[in-house]
Amino acid sequence: MKIVIVVFLLAVVAALASAGVLMLRKGRSSDPRGAMMARALAVRVGLSVAIFLLVLFSYWMGWIKPTGIPLAQ
């Protein structure tokens, strides 16, 4: 399960990086880079929501368990 979550997080970072590259490149006004950047950001948001739902579902199924932060004694 941890591998799946890490792969999703890497995909989120890749989508964010591609949107940043598209934003920084200069293009003509008729160039559809704005639409491509919006699509990359929409993919990032969709993947983030999917990760959140996957973590909730995994907790509900018992595949992952919270460990908490140990308190100093």
PDB file of N, CA and C in Angstrom:
ATOM      1  N   MET A   1       0.824  -1.190   0.000  1.00  0.00           N
ATOM      2  CA  MET A   1       0.000   0.000   0.000  1.00  0.00           C
ATOM      3  C   MET A   1       0.868   1.253   0.000  1.00  0.00           C
ATOM      4  N   LYS A   2       2.011   1.173   0.738  1.00  0.00           N
ATOM      5  CA  LYS A   2       2.881   2.338   0.802  1.00  0.00           C
ATOM      6  C   LYS A   2       3.442   2.676  -0.579  1.00  0.00           C
ATOM      7  N   ILE A   3       3.728   1.657  -1.354  1.00  0.00           N
ATOM      8  CA  ILE A   3       4.282   1.892  -2.692  1.00  0.00           C
ATOM      9  C   ILE A   3       3.264   2.606  -3.578  1.00  0.00           C
ATOM     10  N   VAL A   4       2.002   2.222  -3.483  1.00  0.00           N
ATOM     11  CA  VAL A   4       0.951   2.853  -4.283  1.00  0.00           C
ATOM     12  C   VAL A   4       0.819   4.330  -3.914  1.00  0.00           C
ATOM     13  N   ILE A   5       0.864   4.622  -2.626  1.00  0.00           N
ATOM     14  CA  ILE A   5       0.739   6.008  -2.183  1.00  0.00           C
ATOM     15  C   ILE A   5       1.938   6.830  -2.637  1.00  0.00           C
ATOM     16  N   VAL A   6       3.135   6.247  -2.555  1.00  0.00           N
ATOM     17  CA  VAL A   6       4.334   6.964  -3.005  1.00  0.00           C
ATOM     18  C   VAL A   6       4.273   7.227  -4.507  1.00  0.00           C
ATOM     19  N   VAL A   7       3.787   6.251  -5.285  1.00  0.00           N
ATOM     20  CA  VAL A   7       3.659   6.437  -6.740  1.00  0.00           C
ATOM     21  C   VAL A   7       2.667   7.564  -7.034  1.00  0.00           C
ATOM     22  N   PHE A   8       1.556   7.607  -6.315  1.00  0.00           N
ATOM     23  CA  PHE A   8       0.586   8.687  -6.496  1.00  0.00           C
ATOM     24  C   PHE A   8       1.205  10.037  -6.138  1.00  0.00           C
ATOM     25  N   LEU A   9       1.966  10.095  -5.051  1.00  0.00           N
ATOM     26  CA  LEU A   9       2.595  11.357  -4.662  1.00  0.00           C
ATOM     27  C   LEU A   9       3.616  11.817  -5.694  1.00  0.00           C
ATOM     28  N   LEU A  10       4.371  10.875  -6.262  1.00  0.00           N
ATOM     29  CA  LEU A  10       5.314  11.230  -7.321  1.00  0.00           C
ATOM     30  C   LEU A  10       4.584  11.738  -8.563  1.00  0.00           C
ATOM     31  N   ALA A  11       3.418  11.156  -8.861  1.00  0.00           N
ATOM     32  CA  ALA A  11       2.635  11.632  -9.996  1.00  0.00           C
ATOM     33  C   ALA A  11       2.112  13.044  -9.748  1.00  0.00           C
ATOM     34  N   VAL A  12       1.747  13.353  -8.504  1.00  0.00           N
ATOM     35  CA  VAL A  12       1.304  14.709  -8.158  1.00  0.00           C
ATOM     36  C   VAL A  12       2.441  15.701  -8.365  1.00  0.00           C
ATOM     37  N   VAL A  13       3.642  15.339  -7.917  1.00  0.00           N
ATOM     38  CA  VAL A  13       4.791  16.225  -8.078  1.00  0.00           C
ATOM     39  C   VAL A  13       5.121  16.404  -9.559  1.00  0.00           C
ATOM     40  N   ALA A  14       5.024  15.323 -10.343  1.00  0.00           N
ATOM     41  CA  ALA A  14       5.301  15.418 -11.776  1.00  0.00           C
ATOM     42  C   ALA A  14       4.289  16.323 -12.472  1.00  0.00           C
ATOM     43  N   ALA A  15       3.018  16.231 -12.108  1.00  0.00           N
ATOM     44  CA  ALA A  15       2.000  17.090 -12.706  1.00  0.00           C
ATOM     45  C   ALA A  15       2.230  18.547 -12.322  1.00  0.00           C
ATOM     46  N   LEU A  16       2.634  18.779 -11.083  1.00  0.00           N
ATOM     47  CA  LEU A  16       2.919  20.139 -10.652  1.00  0.00           C
ATOM     48  C   LEU A  16       4.142  20.696 -11.381  1.00  0.00           C
ATOM     49  N   ALA A  17       5.161  19.871 -11.569  1.00  0.00           N
ATOM     50  CA  ALA A  17       6.362  20.313 -12.278  1.00  0.00           C
ATOM     51  C   ALA A  17       6.055  20.622 -13.740  1.00  0.00           C
ATOM     52  N   SER A  18       5.244  19.778 -14.366  1.00  0.00           N
ATOM     53  CA  SER A  18       4.913  20.034 -15.771  1.00  0.00           C
ATOM     54  C   SER A  18       4.095  21.318 -15.917  1.00  0.00           C
ATOM     55  N   ALA A  19       3.210  21.590 -14.967  1.00  0.00           N
ATOM     56  CA  ALA A  19       2.446  22.839 -15.011  1.00  0.00           C
ATOM     57  C   ALA A  19       3.374  24.033 -14.802  1.00  0.00           C
ATOM     58  N   GLY A  20       4.357  23.885 -13.932  1.00  0.00           N
ATOM     59  CA  GLY A  20       5.304  24.972 -13.710  1.00  0.00           C
ATOM     60  C   GLY A  20       6.159  25.250 -14.931  1.00  0.00           C
ATOM     61  N   VAL A  21       6.592  24.187 -15.619  1.00  0.00           N
ATOM     62  CA  VAL A  21       7.379  24.364 -16.841  1.00  0.00           C
ATOM     63  C   VAL A  21       6.543  25.039 -17.915  1.00  0.00           C
ATOM     64  N   LEU A  22       5.299  24.620 -18.058  1.00  0.00           N
ATOM     65  CA  LEU A  22       4.428  25.237 -19.059  1.00  0.00           C
ATOM     66  C   LEU A  22       4.151  26.703 -18.731  1.00  0.00           C
ATOM     67  N   MET A  23       4.083  27.022 -17.443  1.00  0.00           N
ATOM     68  CA  MET A  23       3.817  28.397 -17.047  1.00  0.00           C
ATOM     69  C   MET A  23       5.031  29.292 -17.337  1.00  0.00           C
ATOM     70  N   LEU A  24       6.230  28.751 -17.136  1.00  0.00           N
ATOM     71  CA  LEU A  24       7.427  29.561 -17.292  1.00  0.00           C
ATOM     72  C   LEU A  24       7.869  29.734 -18.741  1.00  0.00           C
ATOM     73  N   ARG A  25       7.466  28.837 -19.617  1.00  0.00           N
ATOM     74  CA  ARG A  25       7.841  28.971 -21.025  1.00  0.00           C
ATOM     75  C   ARG A  25       7.044  30.085 -21.665  1.00  0.00           C
ATOM     76  N   LYS A  26       7.735  30.864 -22.462  1.00  0.00           N
ATOM     77  CA  LYS A  26       7.036  31.919 -23.182  1.00  0.00           C
ATOM     78  C   LYS A  26       6.526  31.349 -24.490  1.00  0.00           C
ATOM     79  N   GLY A  27       5.368  31.770 -24.864  1.00  0.00           N
ATOM     80  CA  GLY A  27       4.792  31.318 -26.118  1.00  0.00           C
ATOM     81  C   GLY A  27       3.963  32.410 -26.760  1.00  0.00           C
ATOM     82  N   ARG A  28       3.520  32.125 -27.951  1.00  0.00           N
ATOM     83  CA  ARG A  28       2.646  33.077 -28.634  1.00  0.00           C
ATOM     84  C   ARG A  28       1.295  33.097 -27.948  1.00  0.00           C
ATOM     85  N   SER A  29       0.530  34.118 -28.240  1.00  0.00           N
ATOM     86  CA  SER A  29      -0.779  34.227 -27.609  1.00  0.00           C
ATOM     87  C   SER A  29      -1.735  33.160 -28.127  1.00  0.00           C
ATOM     88  N   SER A  30      -1.480  32.631 -29.333  1.00  0.00           N
ATOM     89  CA  SER A  30      -2.355  31.590 -29.873  1.00  0.00           C
ATOM     90  C   SER A  30      -1.913  30.199 -29.441  1.00  0.00           C
ATOM     91  N   ASP A  31      -0.815  30.114 -28.687  1.00  0.00           N
ATOM     92  CA  ASP A  31      -0.298  28.829 -28.228  1.00  0.00           C
ATOM     93  C   ASP A  31      -1.202  28.284 -27.125  1.00  0.00           C
ATOM     94  N   PRO A  32      -1.609  27.015 -27.194  1.00  0.00           N
ATOM     95  CA  PRO A  32      -2.542  26.470 -26.190  1.00  0.00           C
ATOM     96  C   PRO A  32      -1.853  26.005 -24.915  1.00  0.00           C
ATOM     97  N   ARG A  33      -0.755  26.660 -24.525  1.00  0.00           N
ATOM     98  CA  ARG A  33      -0.064  26.230 -23.304  1.00  0.00           C
ATOM     99  C   ARG A  33      -0.893  26.487 -22.054  1.00  0.00           C
ATOM    100  N   GLY A  34      -1.736  27.506 -22.101  1.00  0.00           N
ATOM    101  CA  GLY A  34      -2.593  27.788 -20.952  1.00  0.00           C
ATOM    102  C   GLY A  34      -3.556  26.647 -20.683  1.00  0.00           C
ATOM    103  N   ALA A  35      -4.108  26.077 -21.743  1.00  0.00           N
ATOM    104  CA  ALA A  35      -5.017  24.943 -21.581  1.00  0.00           C
ATOM    105  C   ALA A  35      -4.260  23.713 -21.085  1.00  0.00           C
ATOM    106  N   MET A  36      -3.028  23.535 -21.577  1.00  0.00           N
ATOM    107  CA  MET A  36      -2.235  22.391 -21.128  1.00  0.00           C
ATOM    108  C   MET A  36      -1.850  22.549 -19.660  1.00  0.00           C
ATOM    109  N   MET A  37      -1.533  23.773 -19.234  1.00  0.00           N
ATOM    110  CA  MET A  37      -1.200  24.024 -17.840  1.00  0.00           C
ATOM    111  C   MET A  37      -2.422  23.780 -16.951  1.00  0.00           C
ATOM    112  N   ALA A  38      -3.579  24.226 -17.386  1.00  0.00           N
ATOM    113  CA  ALA A  38      -4.805  24.007 -16.609  1.00  0.00           C
ATOM    114  C   ALA A  38      -5.112  22.514 -16.491  1.00  0.00           C
ATOM    115  N   ARG A  39      -4.872  21.770 -17.565  1.00  0.00           N
ATOM    116  CA  ARG A  39      -5.092  20.325 -17.528  1.00  0.00           C
ATOM    117  C   ARG A  39      -4.129  19.654 -16.554  1.00  0.00           C
ATOM    118  N   ALA A  40      -2.864  20.081 -16.553  1.00  0.00           N
ATOM    119  CA  ALA A  40      -1.881  19.503 -15.628  1.00  0.00           C
ATOM    120  C   ALA A  40      -2.256  19.799 -14.177  1.00  0.00           C
ATOM    121  N   LEU A  41      -2.733  21.010 -13.909  1.00  0.00           N
ATOM    122  CA  LEU A  41      -3.157  21.335 -12.550  1.00  0.00           C
ATOM    123  C   LEU A  41      -4.421  20.574 -12.152  1.00  0.00           C
ATOM    124  N   ALA A  42      -5.320  20.344 -13.109  1.00  0.00           N
ATOM    125  CA  ALA A  42      -6.516  19.553 -12.822  1.00  0.00           C
ATOM    126  C   ALA A  42      -6.143  18.103 -12.521  1.00  0.00           C
ATOM    127  N   VAL A  43      -5.160  17.580 -13.229  1.00  0.00           N
ATOM    128  CA  VAL A  43      -4.677  16.220 -12.954  1.00  0.00           C
ATOM    129  C   VAL A  43      -4.086  16.160 -11.552  1.00  0.00           C
ATOM    130  N   ARG A  44      -3.335  17.191 -11.172  1.00  0.00           N
ATOM    131  CA  ARG A  44      -2.738  17.231  -9.835  1.00  0.00           C
ATOM    132  C   ARG A  44      -3.809  17.219  -8.753  1.00  0.00           C
ATOM    133  N   VAL A  45      -4.847  18.012  -8.938  1.00  0.00           N
ATOM    134  CA  VAL A  45      -5.928  18.053  -7.948  1.00  0.00           C
ATOM    135  C   VAL A  45      -6.654  16.712  -7.897  1.00  0.00           C
ATOM    136  N   GLY A  46      -6.907  16.132  -9.056  1.00  0.00           N
ATOM    137  CA  GLY A  46      -7.567  14.825  -9.093  1.00  0.00           C
ATOM    138  C   GLY A  46      -6.752  13.740  -8.412  1.00  0.00           C
ATOM    139  N   LEU A  47      -5.450  13.736  -8.635  1.00  0.00           N
ATOM    140  CA  LEU A  47      -4.588  12.753  -7.974  1.00  0.00           C
ATOM    141  C   LEU A  47      -4.537  12.981  -6.466  1.00  0.00           C
ATOM    142  N   SER A  48      -4.547  14.226  -6.039  1.00  0.00           N
ATOM    143  CA  SER A  48      -4.537  14.518  -4.603  1.00  0.00           C
ATOM    144  C   SER A  48      -5.818  14.024  -3.931  1.00  0.00           C
ATOM    145  N   VAL A  49      -6.930  14.227  -4.580  1.00  0.00           N
ATOM    146  CA  VAL A  49      -8.202  13.728  -4.038  1.00  0.00           C
ATOM    147  C   VAL A  49      -8.202  12.205  -4.023  1.00  0.00           C
ATOM    148  N   ALA A  50      -7.648  11.584  -5.068  1.00  0.00           N
ATOM    149  CA  ALA A  50      -7.578  10.123  -5.116  1.00  0.00           C
ATOM    150  C   ALA A  50      -6.697   9.572  -3.995  1.00  0.00           C
ATOM    151  N   ILE A  51      -5.589  10.239  -3.707  1.00  0.00           N
ATOM    152  CA  ILE A  51      -4.729   9.799  -2.599  1.00  0.00           C
ATOM    153  C   ILE A  51      -5.482   9.885  -1.276  1.00  0.00           C
ATOM    154  N   PHE A  52      -6.181  10.985  -1.069  1.00  0.00           N
ATOM    155  CA  PHE A  52      -6.930  11.162   0.173  1.00  0.00           C
ATOM    156  C   PHE A  52      -7.984  10.063   0.330  1.00  0.00           C
ATOM    157  N   LEU A  53      -8.725   9.796  -0.739  1.00  0.00           N
ATOM    158  CA  LEU A  53      -9.752   8.748  -0.671  1.00  0.00           C
ATOM    159  C   LEU A  53      -9.134   7.365  -0.490  1.00  0.00           C
ATOM    160  N   LEU A  54      -7.979   7.134  -1.114  1.00  0.00           N
ATOM    161  CA  LEU A  54      -7.295   5.853  -0.960  1.00  0.00           C
ATOM    162  C   LEU A  54      -6.828   5.634   0.471  1.00  0.00           C
ATOM    163  N   VAL A  55      -6.313   6.686   1.106  1.00  0.00           N
ATOM    164  CA  VAL A  55      -5.885   6.561   2.496  1.00  0.00           C
ATOM    165  C   VAL A  55      -7.091   6.311   3.403  1.00  0.00           C
ATOM    166  N   LEU A  56      -8.185   7.015   3.180  1.00  0.00           N
ATOM    167  CA  LEU A  56      -9.392   6.777   3.983  1.00  0.00           C
ATOM    168  C   LEU A  56      -9.921   5.358   3.803  1.00  0.00           C
ATOM    169  N   PHE A  57      -9.954   4.886   2.559  1.00  0.00           N
ATOM    170  CA  PHE A  57     -10.441   3.530   2.288  1.00  0.00           C
ATOM    171  C   PHE A  57      -9.514   2.486   2.901  1.00  0.00           C
ATOM    172  N   SER A  58      -8.212   2.714   2.818  1.00  0.00           N
ATOM    173  CA  SER A  58      -7.244   1.779   3.389  1.00  0.00           C
ATOM    174  C   SER A  58      -7.384   1.700   4.899  1.00  0.00           C
ATOM    175  N   TYR A  59      -7.614   2.828   5.533  1.00  0.00           N
ATOM    176  CA  TYR A  59      -7.831   2.827   6.979  1.00  0.00           C
ATOM    177  C   TYR A  59      -9.119   2.093   7.328  1.00  0.00           C
ATOM    178  N   TRP A  60     -10.153   2.321   6.558  1.00  0.00           N
ATOM    179  CA  TRP A  60     -11.442   1.669   6.807  1.00  0.00           C
ATOM    180  C   TRP A  60     -11.339   0.157   6.644  1.00  0.00           C
ATOM    181  N   MET A  61     -10.553  -0.297   5.648  1.00  0.00           N
ATOM    182  CA  MET A  61     -10.377  -1.731   5.418  1.00  0.00           C
ATOM    183  C   MET A  61      -9.389  -2.370   6.389  1.00  0.00           C
ATOM    184  N   GLY A  62      -8.629  -1.559   7.116  1.00  0.00           N
ATOM    185  CA  GLY A  62      -7.673  -2.093   8.070  1.00  0.00           C
ATOM    186  C   GLY A  62      -6.305  -2.381   7.468  1.00  0.00           C
ATOM    187  N   TRP A  63      -6.068  -1.903   6.263  1.00  0.00           N
ATOM    188  CA  TRP A  63      -4.784  -2.142   5.607  1.00  0.00           C
ATOM    189  C   TRP A  63      -3.689  -1.279   6.206  1.00  0.00           C
ATOM    190  N   ILE A  64      -4.034  -0.099   6.706  1.00  0.00           N
ATOM    191  CA  ILE A  64      -3.081   0.771   7.368  1.00  0.00           C
ATOM    192  C   ILE A  64      -3.652   1.141   8.724  1.00  0.00           C
ATOM    193  N   LYS A  65      -2.769   1.374   9.663  1.00  0.00           N
ATOM    194  CA  LYS A  65      -3.204   1.739  11.017  1.00  0.00           C
ATOM    195  C   LYS A  65      -2.395   2.953  11.470  1.00  0.00           C
ATOM    196  N   PRO A  66      -3.045   3.873  12.174  1.00  0.00           N
ATOM    197  CA  PRO A  66      -2.296   5.023  12.683  1.00  0.00           C
ATOM    198  C   PRO A  66      -1.393   4.594  13.831  1.00  0.00           C
ATOM    199  N   THR A  67      -0.181   5.109  13.836  1.00  0.00           N
ATOM    200  CA  THR A  67       0.746   4.760  14.917  1.00  0.00           C
ATOM    201  C   THR A  67       0.843   5.872  15.950  1.00  0.00           C
ATOM    202  N   GLY A  68       0.533   7.075  15.554  1.00  0.00           N
ATOM    203  CA  GLY A  68       0.594   8.183  16.478  1.00  0.00           C
ATOM    204  C   GLY A  68       2.009   8.634  16.743  1.00  0.00           C
ATOM    205  N   ILE A  69       2.137   9.687  17.496  1.00  0.00           N
ATOM    206  CA  ILE A  69       3.436  10.230  17.857  1.00  0.00           C
ATOM    207  C   ILE A  69       3.673   9.856  19.321  1.00  0.00           C
ATOM    208  N   PRO A  70       4.780   9.144  19.598  1.00  0.00           N
ATOM    209  CA  PRO A  70       5.027   8.780  21.000  1.00  0.00           C
ATOM    210  C   PRO A  70       5.324  10.025  21.840  1.00  0.00           C
ATOM    211  N   LEU A  71       4.699  10.080  23.015  1.00  0.00           N
ATOM    212  CA  LEU A  71       4.890  11.221  23.894  1.00  0.00           C
ATOM    213  C   LEU A  71       6.111  10.984  24.773  1.00  0.00           C
ATOM    214  N   ALA A  72       6.849  12.041  25.051  1.00  0.00           N
ATOM    215  CA  ALA A  72       8.006  11.935  25.937  1.00  0.00           C
ATOM    216  C   ALA A  72       7.531  11.644  27.354  1.00  0.00           C
ATOM    217  N   GLN A  73       8.260  10.750  28.019  1.00  0.00           N
ATOM    218  CA  GLN A  73       7.833  10.358  29.373  1.00  0.00           C
ATOM    219  C   GLN A  73       8.850  10.740  30.392  1.00  0.00           C
TER     220      GLN A  73
END
